[in-house]
């Protein structure tokens, strides 16, 4: 981690927690992705399902989501 990472985290703090976790999963290298998958298994399952769904839409989503 660097000062740059810290300063960027201040900008990113405006986003919801799970949006940040999914963004981290999207950008993680193999080792970090494995750690995130173990720490947040339900989030990983949803992220993976939305990744493979058209436009990220899953059955049961509200029309405005």
PDB file of N, CA and C in Angstrom:
ATOM      1  N   UNK A   1       0.851  -1.168   0.000  1.00  0.00           N
ATOM      2  CA  UNK A   1       0.000   0.000   0.000  1.00  0.00           C
ATOM      3  C   UNK A   1       0.895   1.228   0.000  1.00  0.00           C
ATOM      4  N   UNK A   2       0.381   2.293  -0.583  1.00  0.00           N
ATOM      5  CA  UNK A   2       1.135   3.543  -0.681  1.00  0.00           C
ATOM      6  C   UNK A   2       0.265   4.713  -0.241  1.00  0.00           C
ATOM      7  N   UNK A   3       0.888   5.891  -0.159  1.00  0.00           N
ATOM      8  CA  UNK A   3       0.122   7.099   0.144  1.00  0.00           C
ATOM      9  C   UNK A   3      -0.917   7.335  -0.951  1.00  0.00           C
ATOM     10  N   UNK A   4      -0.542   7.057  -2.196  1.00  0.00           N
ATOM     11  CA  UNK A   4      -1.481   7.194  -3.308  1.00  0.00           C
ATOM     12  C   UNK A   4      -2.720   6.335  -3.064  1.00  0.00           C
ATOM     13  N   UNK A   5      -2.519   5.074  -2.672  1.00  0.00           N
ATOM     14  CA  UNK A   5      -3.653   4.192  -2.381  1.00  0.00           C
ATOM     15  C   UNK A   5      -4.525   4.780  -1.280  1.00  0.00           C
ATOM     16  N   UNK A   6      -3.879   5.312  -0.256  1.00  0.00           N
ATOM     17  CA  UNK A   6      -4.627   5.914   0.850  1.00  0.00           C
ATOM     18  C   UNK A   6      -5.459   7.100   0.355  1.00  0.00           C
ATOM     19  N   UNK A   7      -4.854   7.977  -0.433  1.00  0.00           N
ATOM     20  CA  UNK A   7      -5.572   9.152  -0.937  1.00  0.00           C
ATOM     21  C   UNK A   7      -6.716   8.738  -1.866  1.00  0.00           C
ATOM     22  N   UNK A   8      -6.495   7.746  -2.691  1.00  0.00           N
ATOM     23  CA  UNK A   8      -7.558   7.246  -3.564  1.00  0.00           C
ATOM     24  C   UNK A   8      -8.692   6.636  -2.746  1.00  0.00           C
ATOM     25  N   UNK A   9      -8.355   6.002  -1.624  1.00  0.00           N
ATOM     26  CA  UNK A   9      -9.398   5.416  -0.773  1.00  0.00           C
ATOM     27  C   UNK A   9     -10.311   6.498  -0.215  1.00  0.00           C
ATOM     28  N   UNK A  10      -9.779   7.685  -0.012  1.00  0.00           N
ATOM     29  CA  UNK A  10     -10.619   8.791   0.459  1.00  0.00           C
ATOM     30  C   UNK A  10     -11.661   9.147  -0.597  1.00  0.00           C
ATOM     31  N   UNK A  11     -11.265   9.149  -1.863  1.00  0.00           N
ATOM     32  CA  UNK A  11     -12.203   9.429  -2.952  1.00  0.00           C
ATOM     33  C   UNK A  11     -13.250   8.329  -3.057  1.00  0.00           C
ATOM     34  N   UNK A  12     -12.812   7.090  -2.903  1.00  0.00           N
ATOM     35  CA  UNK A  12     -13.704   5.942  -3.064  1.00  0.00           C
ATOM     36  C   UNK A  12     -14.653   5.765  -1.893  1.00  0.00           C
ATOM     37  N   UNK A  13     -14.404   6.441  -0.793  1.00  0.00           N
ATOM     38  CA  UNK A  13     -15.233   6.243   0.401  1.00  0.00           C
ATOM     39  C   UNK A  13     -16.675   6.712   0.207  1.00  0.00           C
ATOM     40  N   UNK A  14     -16.960   7.385  -0.882  1.00  0.00           N
ATOM     41  CA  UNK A  14     -18.333   7.826  -1.169  1.00  0.00           C
ATOM     42  C   UNK A  14     -19.222   6.676  -1.624  1.00  0.00           C
ATOM     43  N   UNK A  15     -18.620   5.553  -2.012  1.00  0.00           N
ATOM     44  CA  UNK A  15     -19.376   4.429  -2.556  1.00  0.00           C
ATOM     45  C   UNK A  15     -19.829   3.474  -1.465  1.00  0.00           C
ATOM     46  N   UNK A  16     -20.944   2.756  -1.683  1.00  0.00           N
ATOM     47  CA  UNK A  16     -21.420   1.780  -0.704  1.00  0.00           C
ATOM     48  C   UNK A  16     -20.394   0.657  -0.505  1.00  0.00           C
ATOM     49  N   UNK A  17     -20.402   0.094   0.688  1.00  0.00           N
ATOM     50  CA  UNK A  17     -19.440  -0.934   1.079  1.00  0.00           C
ATOM     51  C   UNK A  17     -19.379  -2.076   0.071  1.00  0.00           C
ATOM     52  N   UNK A  18     -20.524  -2.662  -0.270  1.00  0.00           N
ATOM     53  CA  UNK A  18     -20.501  -3.827  -1.158  1.00  0.00           C
ATOM     54  C   UNK A  18     -20.098  -3.454  -2.583  1.00  0.00           C
ATOM     55  N   UNK A  19     -20.331  -2.240  -2.999  1.00  0.00           N
ATOM     56  CA  UNK A  19     -19.833  -1.796  -4.302  1.00  0.00           C
ATOM     57  C   UNK A  19     -18.310  -1.797  -4.295  1.00  0.00           C
ATOM     58  N   UNK A  20     -17.724  -1.385  -3.186  1.00  0.00           N
ATOM     59  CA  UNK A  20     -16.264  -1.386  -3.069  1.00  0.00           C
ATOM     60  C   UNK A  20     -15.714  -2.807  -3.043  1.00  0.00           C
ATOM     61  N   UNK A  21     -16.392  -3.705  -2.335  1.00  0.00           N
ATOM     62  CA  UNK A  21     -15.938  -5.099  -2.280  1.00  0.00           C
ATOM     63  C   UNK A  21     -15.993  -5.721  -3.671  1.00  0.00           C
ATOM     64  N   UNK A  22     -17.090  -5.484  -4.398  1.00  0.00           N
ATOM     65  CA  UNK A  22     -17.202  -6.046  -5.747  1.00  0.00           C
ATOM     66  C   UNK A  22     -16.178  -5.415  -6.692  1.00  0.00           C
ATOM     67  N   UNK A  23     -15.900  -4.143  -6.532  1.00  0.00           N
ATOM     68  CA  UNK A  23     -14.864  -3.502  -7.349  1.00  0.00           C
ATOM     69  C   UNK A  23     -13.504  -4.112  -7.035  1.00  0.00           C
ATOM     70  N   UNK A  24     -13.257  -4.387  -5.763  1.00  0.00           N
ATOM     71  CA  UNK A  24     -11.998  -5.029  -5.381  1.00  0.00           C
ATOM     72  C   UNK A  24     -11.910  -6.423  -5.997  1.00  0.00           C
ATOM     73  N   UNK A  25     -13.010  -7.161  -5.992  1.00  0.00           N
ATOM     74  CA  UNK A  25     -13.017  -8.487  -6.606  1.00  0.00           C
ATOM     75  C   UNK A  25     -12.737  -8.396  -8.100  1.00  0.00           C
ATOM     76  N   UNK A  26     -13.315  -7.400  -8.737  1.00  0.00           N
ATOM     77  CA  UNK A  26     -13.144  -7.218 -10.182  1.00  0.00           C
ATOM     78  C   UNK A  26     -11.686  -6.939 -10.534  1.00  0.00           C
ATOM     79  N   UNK A  27     -10.972  -6.252  -9.659  1.00  0.00           N
ATOM     80  CA  UNK A  27      -9.609  -5.806  -9.957  1.00  0.00           C
ATOM     81  C   UNK A  27      -8.516  -6.620  -9.259  1.00  0.00           C
ATOM     82  N   UNK A  28      -8.902  -7.597  -8.465  1.00  0.00           N
ATOM     83  CA  UNK A  28      -7.930  -8.320  -7.644  1.00  0.00           C
ATOM     84  C   UNK A  28      -7.074  -9.276  -8.461  1.00  0.00           C
ATOM     85  N   UNK A  29      -5.840  -9.447  -7.993  1.00  0.00           N
ATOM     86  CA  UNK A  29      -5.011 -10.510  -8.543  1.00  0.00           C
ATOM     87  C   UNK A  29      -5.478 -11.831  -7.923  1.00  0.00           C
ATOM     88  N   UNK A  30      -4.898 -12.926  -8.350  1.00  0.00           N
ATOM     89  CA  UNK A  30      -5.362 -14.250  -7.941  1.00  0.00           C
ATOM     90  C   UNK A  30      -5.372 -14.428  -6.430  1.00  0.00           C
ATOM     91  N   UNK A  31      -4.291 -14.079  -5.757  1.00  0.00           N
ATOM     92  CA  UNK A  31      -4.212 -14.274  -4.303  1.00  0.00           C
ATOM     93  C   UNK A  31      -5.216 -13.406  -3.560  1.00  0.00           C
ATOM     94  N   UNK A  32      -5.341 -12.153  -3.964  1.00  0.00           N
ATOM     95  CA  UNK A  32      -6.280 -11.264  -3.294  1.00  0.00           C
ATOM     96  C   UNK A  32      -7.723 -11.644  -3.582  1.00  0.00           C
ATOM     97  N   UNK A  33      -7.997 -12.124  -4.794  1.00  0.00           N
ATOM     98  CA  UNK A  33      -9.353 -12.571  -5.105  1.00  0.00           C
ATOM     99  C   UNK A  33      -9.726 -13.755  -4.222  1.00  0.00           C
ATOM    100  N   UNK A  34      -8.811 -14.680  -4.043  1.00  0.00           N
ATOM    101  CA  UNK A  34      -9.086 -15.828  -3.175  1.00  0.00           C
ATOM    102  C   UNK A  34      -9.390 -15.373  -1.746  1.00  0.00           C
ATOM    103  N   UNK A  35      -8.640 -14.415  -1.248  1.00  0.00           N
ATOM    104  CA  UNK A  35      -8.880 -13.892   0.103  1.00  0.00           C
ATOM    105  C   UNK A  35     -10.252 -13.224   0.190  1.00  0.00           C
ATOM    106  N   UNK A  36     -10.609 -12.452  -0.826  1.00  0.00           N
ATOM    107  CA  UNK A  36     -11.915 -11.792  -0.836  1.00  0.00           C
ATOM    108  C   UNK A  36     -13.045 -12.807  -0.938  1.00  0.00           C
ATOM    109  N   UNK A  37     -12.868 -13.830  -1.763  1.00  0.00           N
ATOM    110  CA  UNK A  37     -13.886 -14.869  -1.895  1.00  0.00           C
ATOM    111  C   UNK A  37     -14.118 -15.575  -0.561  1.00  0.00           C
ATOM    112  N   UNK A  38     -13.048 -15.838   0.184  1.00  0.00           N
ATOM    113  CA  UNK A  38     -13.181 -16.500   1.483  1.00  0.00           C
ATOM    114  C   UNK A  38     -13.806 -15.576   2.524  1.00  0.00           C
ATOM    115  N   UNK A  39     -13.476 -14.299   2.467  1.00  0.00           N
ATOM    116  CA  UNK A  39     -14.003 -13.346   3.446  1.00  0.00           C
ATOM    117  C   UNK A  39     -15.459 -12.971   3.170  1.00  0.00           C
ATOM    118  N   UNK A  40     -15.836 -12.960   1.880  1.00  0.00           N
ATOM    119  CA  UNK A  40     -17.176 -12.518   1.472  1.00  0.00           C
ATOM    120  C   UNK A  40     -17.792 -13.509   0.481  1.00  0.00           C
ATOM    121  N   UNK A  41     -18.061 -14.742   0.914  1.00  0.00           N
ATOM    122  CA  UNK A  41     -18.554 -15.750  -0.038  1.00  0.00           C
ATOM    123  C   UNK A  41     -19.898 -15.390  -0.668  1.00  0.00           C
ATOM    124  N   UNK A  42     -20.824 -14.829   0.088  1.00  0.00           N
ATOM    125  CA  UNK A  42     -22.132 -14.473  -0.475  1.00  0.00           C
ATOM    126  C   UNK A  42     -21.983 -13.336  -1.485  1.00  0.00           C
ATOM    127  N   UNK A  43     -21.123 -12.390  -1.200  1.00  0.00           N
ATOM    128  CA  UNK A  43     -20.884 -11.288  -2.123  1.00  0.00           C
ATOM    129  C   UNK A  43     -20.241 -11.809  -3.400  1.00  0.00           C
ATOM    130  N   UNK A  44     -19.313 -12.755  -3.267  1.00  0.00           N
ATOM    131  CA  UNK A  44     -18.696 -13.348  -4.453  1.00  0.00           C
ATOM    132  C   UNK A  44     -19.734 -14.047  -5.311  1.00  0.00           C
ATOM    133  N   UNK A  45     -20.631 -14.823  -4.681  1.00  0.00           N
ATOM    134  CA  UNK A  45     -21.658 -15.530  -5.458  1.00  0.00           C
ATOM    135  C   UNK A  45     -22.542 -14.541  -6.214  1.00  0.00           C
ATOM    136  N   UNK A  46     -22.935 -13.455  -5.543  1.00  0.00           N
ATOM    137  CA  UNK A  46     -23.779 -12.460  -6.218  1.00  0.00           C
ATOM    138  C   UNK A  46     -23.005 -11.752  -7.321  1.00  0.00           C
ATOM    139  N   UNK A  47     -21.770 -11.388  -7.040  1.00  0.00           N
ATOM    140  CA  UNK A  47     -20.949 -10.728  -8.053  1.00  0.00           C
ATOM    141  C   UNK A  47     -20.808 -11.611  -9.279  1.00  0.00           C
ATOM    142  N   UNK A  48     -20.506 -12.887  -9.074  1.00  0.00           N
ATOM    143  CA  UNK A  48     -20.331 -13.813 -10.184  1.00  0.00           C
ATOM    144  C   UNK A  48     -21.634 -13.979 -10.979  1.00  0.00           C
ATOM    145  N   UNK A  49     -22.760 -14.081 -10.266  1.00  0.00           N
ATOM    146  CA  UNK A  49     -24.050 -14.212 -10.944  1.00  0.00           C
ATOM    147  C   UNK A  49     -24.355 -12.960 -11.762  1.00  0.00           C
ATOM    148  N   UNK A  50     -24.130 -11.786 -11.181  1.00  0.00           N
ATOM    149  CA  UNK A  50     -24.409 -10.543 -11.909  1.00  0.00           C
ATOM    150  C   UNK A  50     -23.452 -10.357 -13.081  1.00  0.00           C
ATOM    151  N   UNK A  51     -22.216 -10.804 -12.924  1.00  0.00           N
ATOM    152  CA  UNK A  51     -21.229 -10.711 -14.003  1.00  0.00           C
ATOM    153  C   UNK A  51     -21.705 -11.469 -15.235  1.00  0.00           C
ATOM    154  N   UNK A  52     -22.322 -12.620 -15.015  1.00  0.00           N
ATOM    155  CA  UNK A  52     -22.772 -13.463 -16.120  1.00  0.00           C
ATOM    156  C   UNK A  52     -24.201 -13.149 -16.570  1.00  0.00           C
ATOM    157  N   UNK A  53     -24.894 -12.278 -15.856  1.00  0.00           N
ATOM    158  CA  UNK A  53     -26.263 -11.898 -16.210  1.00  0.00           C
ATOM    159  C   UNK A  53     -26.223 -10.656 -17.102  1.00  0.00           C
ATOM    160  N   UNK A  54     -27.129 -10.586 -18.035  1.00  0.00           N
ATOM    161  CA  UNK A  54     -27.197  -9.426 -18.909  1.00  0.00           C
ATOM    162  C   UNK A  54     -27.432  -8.143 -18.123  1.00  0.00           C
ATOM    163  N   UNK A  55     -26.523  -7.215 -18.228  1.00  0.00           N
ATOM    164  CA  UNK A  55     -26.647  -5.940 -17.544  1.00  0.00           C
ATOM    165  C   UNK A  55     -26.595  -6.038 -16.033  1.00  0.00           C
ATOM    166  N   UNK A  56     -26.176  -7.187 -15.515  1.00  0.00           N
ATOM    167  CA  UNK A  56     -26.101  -7.367 -14.067  1.00  0.00           C
ATOM    168  C   UNK A  56     -27.445  -7.575 -13.398  1.00  0.00           C
ATOM    169  N   UNK A  57     -28.490  -7.763 -14.209  1.00  0.00           N
ATOM    170  CA  UNK A  57     -29.837  -7.920 -13.665  1.00  0.00           C
ATOM    171  C   UNK A  57     -30.100  -9.384 -13.276  1.00  0.00           C
ATOM    172  N   UNK A  58     -30.562  -9.576 -12.056  1.00  0.00           N
ATOM    173  CA  UNK A  58     -30.966 -10.902 -11.586  1.00  0.00           C
ATOM    174  C   UNK A  58     -32.467 -10.926 -11.373  1.00  0.00           C
ATOM    175  N   UNK A  59     -33.034 -12.119 -11.487  1.00  0.00           N
ATOM    176  CA  UNK A  59     -34.458 -12.273 -11.230  1.00  0.00           C
ATOM    177  C   UNK A  59     -34.774 -11.743  -9.831  1.00  0.00           C
ATOM    178  N   UNK A  60     -35.816 -10.957  -9.745  1.00  0.00           N
ATOM    179  CA  UNK A  60     -36.210 -10.376  -8.453  1.00  0.00           C
ATOM    180  C   UNK A  60     -35.696  -8.968  -8.233  1.00  0.00           C
ATOM    181  N   UNK A  61     -34.795  -8.472  -9.109  1.00  0.00           N
ATOM    182  CA  UNK A  61     -34.353  -7.086  -8.988  1.00  0.00           C
ATOM    183  C   UNK A  61     -35.517  -6.161  -9.265  1.00  0.00           C
ATOM    184  N   UNK A  62     -35.524  -5.030  -8.603  1.00  0.00           N
ATOM    185  CA  UNK A  62     -36.559  -4.025  -8.876  1.00  0.00           C
ATOM    186  C   UNK A  62     -36.261  -3.385 -10.225  1.00  0.00           C
ATOM    187  N   UNK A  63     -37.277  -2.942 -10.877  1.00  0.00           N
ATOM    188  CA  UNK A  63     -37.138  -2.349 -12.215  1.00  0.00           C
ATOM    189  C   UNK A  63     -36.238  -1.124 -12.201  1.00  0.00           C
ATOM    190  N   UNK A  64     -36.147  -0.410 -11.078  1.00  0.00           N
ATOM    191  CA  UNK A  64     -35.345   0.808 -11.021  1.00  0.00           C
ATOM    192  C   UNK A  64     -33.909   0.554 -10.592  1.00  0.00           C
ATOM    193  N   UNK A  65     -33.535  -0.692 -10.273  1.00  0.00           N
ATOM    194  CA  UNK A  65     -32.167  -0.987  -9.821  1.00  0.00           C
ATOM    195  C   UNK A  65     -31.197  -0.969 -10.959  1.00  0.00           C
TER     196      UNK A  65
END
